[in-house]
Amino acid sequence: VQFVETGGATVQAGGSLTISCSAPIFGFSNYDVNWYRQAPGKERVQVARITGAGVPLIRLDSVKGRFTGYRDDAKQTVYLQMNNLRPEDSAMYYCFVVGLVARWGRGTQVTVSQ
């Protein structure tokens, strides 16, 4: 299983962007999905978890109040909605289904310019 992240772009500071994670697995609706990000030279950190019930749990303090998440189980896709973006949000963003043995996807690049 491999996840596919899409939707990354270059946006200006203060802008918004929604990125997607496709996870075509059996029973997708039963799984929580985590979002992570990794900036150059830094460790990968968890940003959020979208529960199987669709509840967004924001794990990274610096994005609380600005990021949220949701899912469309019919499309087997999870989304990360990012508002009021800052240059420090620039990173490669990844998703991963909790509890699965799988490969990391290629990620999607988000770049926030001043």
C-alpha atoms as a PDB file:
ATOM      1  CA  VAL A   1       0.000   0.000   0.000  1.00  0.00           C
ATOM      2  CA  GLN A   2       1.261   3.451  -0.807  1.00  0.00           C
ATOM      3  CA  PHE A   3      -0.383   6.739  -0.124  1.00  0.00           C
ATOM      4  CA  VAL A   4      -0.565   9.570  -2.624  1.00  0.00           C
ATOM      5  CA  GLU A   5      -0.397  13.150  -1.473  1.00  0.00           C
ATOM      6  CA  THR A   6      -1.378  15.905  -3.871  1.00  0.00           C
ATOM      7  CA  GLY A   7      -2.259  19.554  -3.976  1.00  0.00           C
ATOM      8  CA  GLY A   8       0.941  21.142  -2.787  1.00  0.00           C
ATOM      9  CA  ALA A   9       1.779  24.554  -4.198  1.00  0.00           C
ATOM     10  CA  THR A  10       3.577  27.810  -3.602  1.00  0.00           C
ATOM     11  CA  VAL A  11       1.362  30.317  -1.842  1.00  0.00           C
ATOM     12  CA  GLN A  12       1.874  33.720  -0.309  1.00  0.00           C
ATOM     13  CA  ALA A  13       1.964  34.173   3.423  1.00  0.00           C
ATOM     14  CA  GLY A  14      -1.546  34.581   4.754  1.00  0.00           C
ATOM     15  CA  GLY A  15      -3.001  32.429   2.032  1.00  0.00           C
ATOM     16  CA  SER A  16      -4.822  29.124   2.200  1.00  0.00           C
ATOM     17  CA  LEU A  17      -4.314  25.722   0.662  1.00  0.00           C
ATOM     18  CA  THR A  18      -5.936  22.311   0.934  1.00  0.00           C
ATOM     19  CA  ILE A  19      -3.895  19.214   0.263  1.00  0.00           C
ATOM     20  CA  SER A  20      -5.173  15.698  -0.274  1.00  0.00           C
ATOM     21  CA  CYS A  21      -4.173  12.190   0.673  1.00  0.00           C
ATOM     22  CA  SER A  22      -5.473   9.235  -1.280  1.00  0.00           C
ATOM     23  CA  ALA A  23      -5.382   5.933   0.562  1.00  0.00           C
ATOM     24  CA  PRO A  24      -7.083   3.220  -1.489  1.00  0.00           C
ATOM     25  CA  ILE A  25      -7.380   0.516   1.157  1.00  0.00           C
ATOM     26  CA  PHE A  26     -10.115  -1.870   2.192  1.00  0.00           C
ATOM     27  CA  GLY A  27     -12.089  -0.543   5.117  1.00  0.00           C
ATOM     28  CA  PHE A  28     -10.681   2.945   4.745  1.00  0.00           C
ATOM     29  CA  SER A  29     -13.473   4.517   6.785  1.00  0.00           C
ATOM     30  CA  ASN A  30     -12.404   2.551   9.857  1.00  0.00           C
ATOM     31  CA  TYR A  31      -8.931   4.024   9.990  1.00  0.00           C
ATOM     32  CA  ASP A  32      -7.475   7.165  11.439  1.00  0.00           C
ATOM     33  CA  VAL A  33      -5.084   9.019   9.162  1.00  0.00           C
ATOM     34  CA  ASN A  34      -2.138  11.120  10.277  1.00  0.00           C
ATOM     35  CA  TRP A  35      -0.658  14.114   8.494  1.00  0.00           C
ATOM     36  CA  TYR A  36       3.062  14.821   8.894  1.00  0.00           C
ATOM     37  CA  ARG A  37       5.448  17.403   7.550  1.00  0.00           C
ATOM     38  CA  GLN A  38       9.175  17.584   7.096  1.00  0.00           C
ATOM     39  CA  ALA A  39      11.162  20.703   6.397  1.00  0.00           C
ATOM     40  CA  PRO A  40      14.689  20.524   4.945  1.00  0.00           C
ATOM     41  CA  GLY A  41      17.186  19.496   7.589  1.00  0.00           C
ATOM     42  CA  LYS A  42      14.501  18.807  10.160  1.00  0.00           C
ATOM     43  CA  GLU A  43      12.736  15.726  11.454  1.00  0.00           C
ATOM     44  CA  ARG A  44       9.345  14.629  10.254  1.00  0.00           C
ATOM     45  CA  VAL A  45       6.691  15.750  12.719  1.00  0.00           C
ATOM     46  CA  GLN A  46       3.039  14.929  13.081  1.00  0.00           C
ATOM     47  CA  VAL A  47       0.713  17.772  12.220  1.00  0.00           C
ATOM     48  CA  ALA A  48      -2.744  16.283  12.671  1.00  0.00           C
ATOM     49  CA  ARG A  49      -4.816  13.157  12.924  1.00  0.00           C
ATOM     50  CA  ILE A  50      -8.132  12.738  11.192  1.00  0.00           C
ATOM     51  CA  THR A  51     -10.082  10.073  13.027  1.00  0.00           C
ATOM     52  CA  GLY A  52     -12.240   7.479  11.361  1.00  0.00           C
ATOM     53  CA  ALA A  53     -15.221   9.506  12.533  1.00  0.00           C
ATOM     54  CA  GLY A  54     -13.850  12.536  10.736  1.00  0.00           C
ATOM     55  CA  VAL A  55     -12.728  14.451  13.806  1.00  0.00           C
ATOM     56  CA  PRO A  56      -9.595  16.522  13.199  1.00  0.00           C
ATOM     57  CA  LEU A  57      -7.071  16.368  16.037  1.00  0.00           C
ATOM     58  CA  ILE A  58      -4.383  18.993  15.587  1.00  0.00           C
ATOM     59  CA  ARG A  59      -1.147  17.816  17.183  1.00  0.00           C
ATOM     60  CA  LEU A  60       1.253  20.620  16.292  1.00  0.00           C
ATOM     61  CA  ASP A  61       0.824  23.687  18.485  1.00  0.00           C
ATOM     62  CA  SER A  62       2.093  26.110  15.870  1.00  0.00           C
ATOM     63  CA  VAL A  63      -0.766  25.292  13.491  1.00  0.00           C
ATOM     64  CA  LYS A  64      -3.640  25.123  15.956  1.00  0.00           C
ATOM     65  CA  GLY A  65      -6.373  27.497  14.957  1.00  0.00           C
ATOM     66  CA  ARG A  66      -5.077  27.633  11.384  1.00  0.00           C
ATOM     67  CA  PHE A  67      -5.160  24.036  10.122  1.00  0.00           C
ATOM     68  CA  THR A  68      -7.988  21.579  10.102  1.00  0.00           C
ATOM     69  CA  GLY A  69      -8.757  18.307   8.399  1.00  0.00           C
ATOM     70  CA  TYR A  70     -11.623  16.307   7.008  1.00  0.00           C
ATOM     71  CA  ARG A  71     -12.243  13.207   4.961  1.00  0.00           C
ATOM     72  CA  ASP A  72     -14.380  11.852   2.163  1.00  0.00           C
ATOM     73  CA  ASP A  73     -14.670   8.125   2.690  1.00  0.00           C
ATOM     74  CA  ALA A  74     -16.427   7.602  -0.628  1.00  0.00           C
ATOM     75  CA  LYS A  75     -13.270   8.891  -2.305  1.00  0.00           C
ATOM     76  CA  GLN A  76     -10.945   7.245   0.239  1.00  0.00           C
ATOM     77  CA  THR A  77      -9.327  10.616   0.637  1.00  0.00           C
ATOM     78  CA  VAL A  78      -8.301  12.753   3.571  1.00  0.00           C
ATOM     79  CA  TYR A  79      -7.699  16.477   3.376  1.00  0.00           C
ATOM     80  CA  LEU A  80      -5.626  18.978   5.292  1.00  0.00           C
ATOM     81  CA  GLN A  81      -6.970  22.505   5.063  1.00  0.00           C
ATOM     82  CA  MET A  82      -4.352  25.119   5.858  1.00  0.00           C
ATOM     83  CA  ASN A  83      -5.268  28.734   6.484  1.00  0.00           C
ATOM     84  CA  ASN A  84      -3.243  31.836   7.258  1.00  0.00           C
ATOM     85  CA  LEU A  85      -0.109  30.096   6.056  1.00  0.00           C
ATOM     86  CA  ARG A  86       3.287  31.228   7.281  1.00  0.00           C
ATOM     87  CA  PRO A  87       6.736  30.763   5.736  1.00  0.00           C
ATOM     88  CA  GLU A  88       7.581  28.332   8.538  1.00  0.00           C
ATOM     89  CA  ASP A  89       4.806  26.043   7.283  1.00  0.00           C
ATOM     90  CA  SER A  90       6.907  25.357   4.195  1.00  0.00           C
ATOM     91  CA  ALA A  91       7.640  21.636   4.109  1.00  0.00           C
ATOM     92  CA  MET A  92       6.946  18.366   2.400  1.00  0.00           C
ATOM     93  CA  TYR A  93       3.647  17.051   3.694  1.00  0.00           C
ATOM     94  CA  TYR A  94       2.901  13.344   4.056  1.00  0.00           C
ATOM     95  CA  CYS A  95       0.034  11.205   5.216  1.00  0.00           C
ATOM     96  CA  PHE A  96      -0.048   7.762   6.765  1.00  0.00           C
ATOM     97  CA  VAL A  97      -2.904   5.491   7.754  1.00  0.00           C
ATOM     98  CA  VAL A  98      -2.594   4.586  11.423  1.00  0.00           C
ATOM     99  CA  GLY A  99      -1.922   0.924  12.078  1.00  0.00           C
ATOM    100  CA  LEU A 100      -1.013  -0.090   8.543  1.00  0.00           C
ATOM    101  CA  VAL A 101       2.254  -1.477   7.365  1.00  0.00           C
ATOM    102  CA  ALA A 102       2.933   0.566   4.287  1.00  0.00           C
ATOM    103  CA  ARG A 103       5.427   2.716   2.482  1.00  0.00           C
ATOM    104  CA  TRP A 104       5.546   6.432   2.831  1.00  0.00           C
ATOM    105  CA  GLY A 105       4.220   8.307  -0.163  1.00  0.00           C
ATOM    106  CA  ARG A 106       6.236  10.860  -2.053  1.00  0.00           C
ATOM    107  CA  GLY A 107       4.633  13.722  -0.221  1.00  0.00           C
ATOM    108  CA  THR A 108       3.443  17.023  -1.569  1.00  0.00           C
ATOM    109  CA  GLN A 109       5.477  20.211  -1.340  1.00  0.00           C
ATOM    110  CA  VAL A 110       4.013  23.285   0.287  1.00  0.00           C
ATOM    111  CA  THR A 111       6.012  26.478  -0.015  1.00  0.00           C
ATOM    112  CA  VAL A 112       4.916  29.690   1.620  1.00  0.00           C
ATOM    113  CA  SER A 113       6.547  32.866   0.356  1.00  0.00           C
ATOM    114  CA  GLN A 114       6.774  36.194   2.157  1.00  0.00           C
END
